């Protein structure tokens, strides 16, 4: 039987902690700020008394993303069995649209990466065309030998 447990969270205590942090940041920023638009990093640490049975990912929406909507993003995918490269591209494009992901500019299957982007110049051109590269976790370990060190040096 699945057991549901509620986490006892004292909202008043959390509110007081956030207000104290904001007050501290205001007093610190008012005295020593050299730049007007200086950003302040805030780190949250959660301590759990009981370790969850299953690992959980809790997403916290951030008010400002790291990437803009105009960034060019390339996705490296694995080759789907019994599909050509074009069919694989269409499959992943449709899959991403169904999940609500709209900002992927191009999808490159692994087979296309190995054949079309083998020359050094093609790899450099690919690197220059996109702002961010994402990869399928199933082929991530295969990528370093095919895309080269320049991708990792540029940290895209």
Protein backbone atom coordinates (compact mmCIF):
# COMPACT_ATOMS: atom_id res chain seq x y z
CA UNK A 1 0.00 0.00 0.00
CA UNK A 2 1.30 3.42 -0.89
CA UNK A 3 1.71 5.57 2.19
CA UNK A 4 1.19 9.31 1.82
CA UNK A 5 2.82 11.52 4.37
CA UNK A 6 2.38 15.23 4.64
CA UNK A 7 5.44 17.34 5.29
CA UNK A 8 4.98 19.47 8.39
CA UNK A 9 6.06 22.94 7.31
CA UNK A 10 5.67 25.95 9.55
CA UNK A 11 4.71 28.63 7.04
CA UNK A 12 5.14 31.42 9.58
CA UNK A 13 8.73 30.34 10.26
CA UNK A 14 9.48 30.15 6.52
CA UNK A 15 8.00 33.62 6.01
CA UNK A 16 10.12 35.04 8.85
CA UNK A 17 13.25 33.44 7.38
CA UNK A 18 12.58 34.91 3.92
CA UNK A 19 11.90 38.36 5.38
CA UNK A 20 15.11 38.20 7.42
CA UNK A 21 17.08 37.21 4.31
CA UNK A 22 15.56 40.08 2.31
CA UNK A 23 16.33 42.57 5.08
CA UNK A 24 19.92 41.33 5.29
CA UNK A 25 20.38 41.64 1.52
CA UNK A 26 18.99 45.20 1.54
CA UNK A 27 21.34 46.34 4.31
CA UNK A 28 24.31 44.65 2.68
CA UNK A 29 23.52 46.08 -0.77
CA UNK A 30 22.95 49.64 0.43
CA UNK A 31 26.42 50.01 1.93
CA UNK A 32 29.05 48.52 -0.38
CA UNK A 33 27.55 48.33 -3.86
CA UNK A 34 30.00 49.47 -6.53
CA UNK A 35 27.63 48.77 -9.42
CA UNK A 36 23.97 49.68 -9.63
CA UNK A 37 22.85 46.52 -11.41
CA UNK A 38 24.83 44.02 -9.34
CA UNK A 39 23.07 40.68 -8.85
CA UNK A 40 22.99 38.80 -5.58
CA UNK A 41 23.21 35.01 -5.46
CA UNK A 42 20.87 33.22 -3.05
CA UNK A 43 21.36 29.55 -2.15
CA UNK A 44 18.63 27.45 -0.55
CA UNK A 45 19.47 24.39 1.51
CA UNK A 46 16.79 21.91 2.49
CA UNK A 47 17.53 19.43 5.25
CA UNK A 48 15.32 16.36 5.38
CA UNK A 49 14.84 14.31 8.51
CA UNK A 50 13.68 11.29 6.54
CA UNK A 51 15.24 10.30 3.25
CA UNK A 52 12.53 9.73 0.62
CA UNK A 53 12.18 6.19 -0.72
CA UNK A 54 12.23 7.43 -4.31
CA UNK A 55 14.43 10.29 -5.54
CA UNK A 56 12.37 13.33 -6.46
CA UNK A 57 13.05 16.30 -8.65
CA UNK A 58 11.28 19.41 -7.50
CA UNK A 59 11.25 22.16 -10.09
CA UNK A 60 11.24 25.74 -8.91
CA UNK A 61 10.13 28.25 -11.56
CA UNK A 62 12.60 31.09 -11.90
CA UNK A 63 11.39 34.56 -12.88
CA UNK A 64 14.21 35.06 -15.38
CA UNK A 65 15.49 32.22 -17.54
CA UNK A 66 19.10 31.76 -18.57
CA UNK A 67 18.27 31.63 -22.27
CA UNK A 68 16.19 33.91 -24.46
CA UNK A 69 13.51 32.80 -26.91
CA UNK A 70 15.72 33.82 -29.83
CA UNK A 71 18.58 31.44 -28.96
CA UNK A 72 19.31 28.77 -31.54
CA UNK A 73 19.20 25.33 -29.89
CA UNK A 74 20.32 22.04 -31.45
CA UNK A 75 19.33 18.61 -30.13
CA UNK A 76 21.42 15.48 -30.77
CA UNK A 77 19.24 12.36 -30.66
CA UNK A 78 19.81 8.66 -30.97
CA UNK A 79 18.87 6.82 -34.15
CA UNK A 80 15.47 5.21 -33.75
CA UNK A 81 15.40 1.58 -34.87
CA UNK A 82 13.86 0.90 -38.29
CA UNK A 83 13.70 4.62 -39.14
CA UNK A 84 15.67 6.75 -41.56
CA UNK A 85 17.33 9.95 -40.40
CA UNK A 86 14.47 12.07 -41.75
CA UNK A 87 11.88 9.90 -40.03
CA UNK A 88 13.84 10.14 -36.78
CA UNK A 89 13.92 13.95 -37.07
CA UNK A 90 10.16 14.08 -37.71
CA UNK A 91 9.51 11.66 -34.83
CA UNK A 92 11.41 13.79 -32.30
CA UNK A 93 10.00 17.06 -33.65
CA UNK A 94 6.47 15.72 -33.23
CA UNK A 95 7.30 14.31 -29.79
CA UNK A 96 8.70 17.63 -28.59
CA UNK A 97 5.70 19.57 -29.94
CA UNK A 98 3.35 17.23 -28.07
CA UNK A 99 5.29 17.91 -24.86
CA UNK A 100 5.16 21.69 -25.43
CA UNK A 101 8.84 22.23 -26.32
CA UNK A 102 8.98 24.81 -29.10
CA UNK A 103 12.43 26.37 -28.95
CA UNK A 104 14.52 23.54 -30.47
CA UNK A 105 15.81 24.89 -33.80
CA UNK A 106 17.24 21.70 -35.26
CA UNK A 107 17.28 18.00 -34.45
CA UNK A 108 20.32 16.00 -35.57
CA UNK A 109 20.26 12.20 -35.29
CA UNK A 110 23.51 10.47 -34.32
CA UNK A 111 23.95 8.90 -37.77
CA UNK A 112 23.75 12.32 -39.45
CA UNK A 113 26.23 13.73 -36.95
CA UNK A 114 28.70 10.95 -37.78
CA UNK A 115 28.39 11.31 -41.56
CA UNK A 116 27.66 14.95 -42.42
CA UNK A 117 29.65 16.59 -39.63
CA UNK A 118 32.80 14.48 -39.85
CA UNK A 119 35.12 17.14 -41.38
CA UNK A 120 36.63 19.71 -39.05
CA UNK A 121 35.13 22.65 -40.98
CA UNK A 122 31.63 21.19 -40.75
CA UNK A 123 31.99 20.80 -36.98
CA UNK A 124 33.16 24.41 -36.63
CA UNK A 125 30.27 25.63 -38.78
CA UNK A 126 27.83 23.63 -36.65
CA UNK A 127 29.34 25.12 -33.50
CA UNK A 128 28.93 28.64 -34.87
CA UNK A 129 25.31 28.15 -35.95
CA UNK A 130 23.86 27.39 -32.52
CA UNK A 131 23.88 28.97 -29.08
CA UNK A 132 23.17 25.78 -27.13
CA UNK A 133 23.51 22.05 -27.76
CA UNK A 134 21.43 19.42 -26.00
CA UNK A 135 21.83 15.67 -26.26
CA UNK A 136 19.86 12.55 -25.58
CA UNK A 137 21.26 10.87 -22.46
CA UNK A 138 21.47 7.57 -24.35
CA UNK A 139 24.14 8.92 -26.75
CA UNK A 140 25.90 11.44 -24.51
CA UNK A 141 28.91 9.18 -23.88
CA UNK A 142 29.40 8.74 -27.65
CA UNK A 143 29.49 12.46 -28.48
CA UNK A 144 33.00 13.54 -27.38
CA UNK A 145 34.72 11.45 -30.04
CA UNK A 146 32.50 12.85 -32.81
CA UNK A 147 32.03 16.52 -32.00
CA UNK A 148 35.53 17.30 -30.76
CA UNK A 149 37.08 19.39 -28.03
CA UNK A 150 35.95 22.75 -29.43
CA UNK A 151 32.36 22.08 -28.33
CA UNK A 152 33.51 21.52 -24.78
CA UNK A 153 35.88 24.50 -24.79
CA UNK A 154 33.08 26.85 -25.85
CA UNK A 155 30.76 25.36 -23.18
CA UNK A 156 27.71 25.37 -25.38
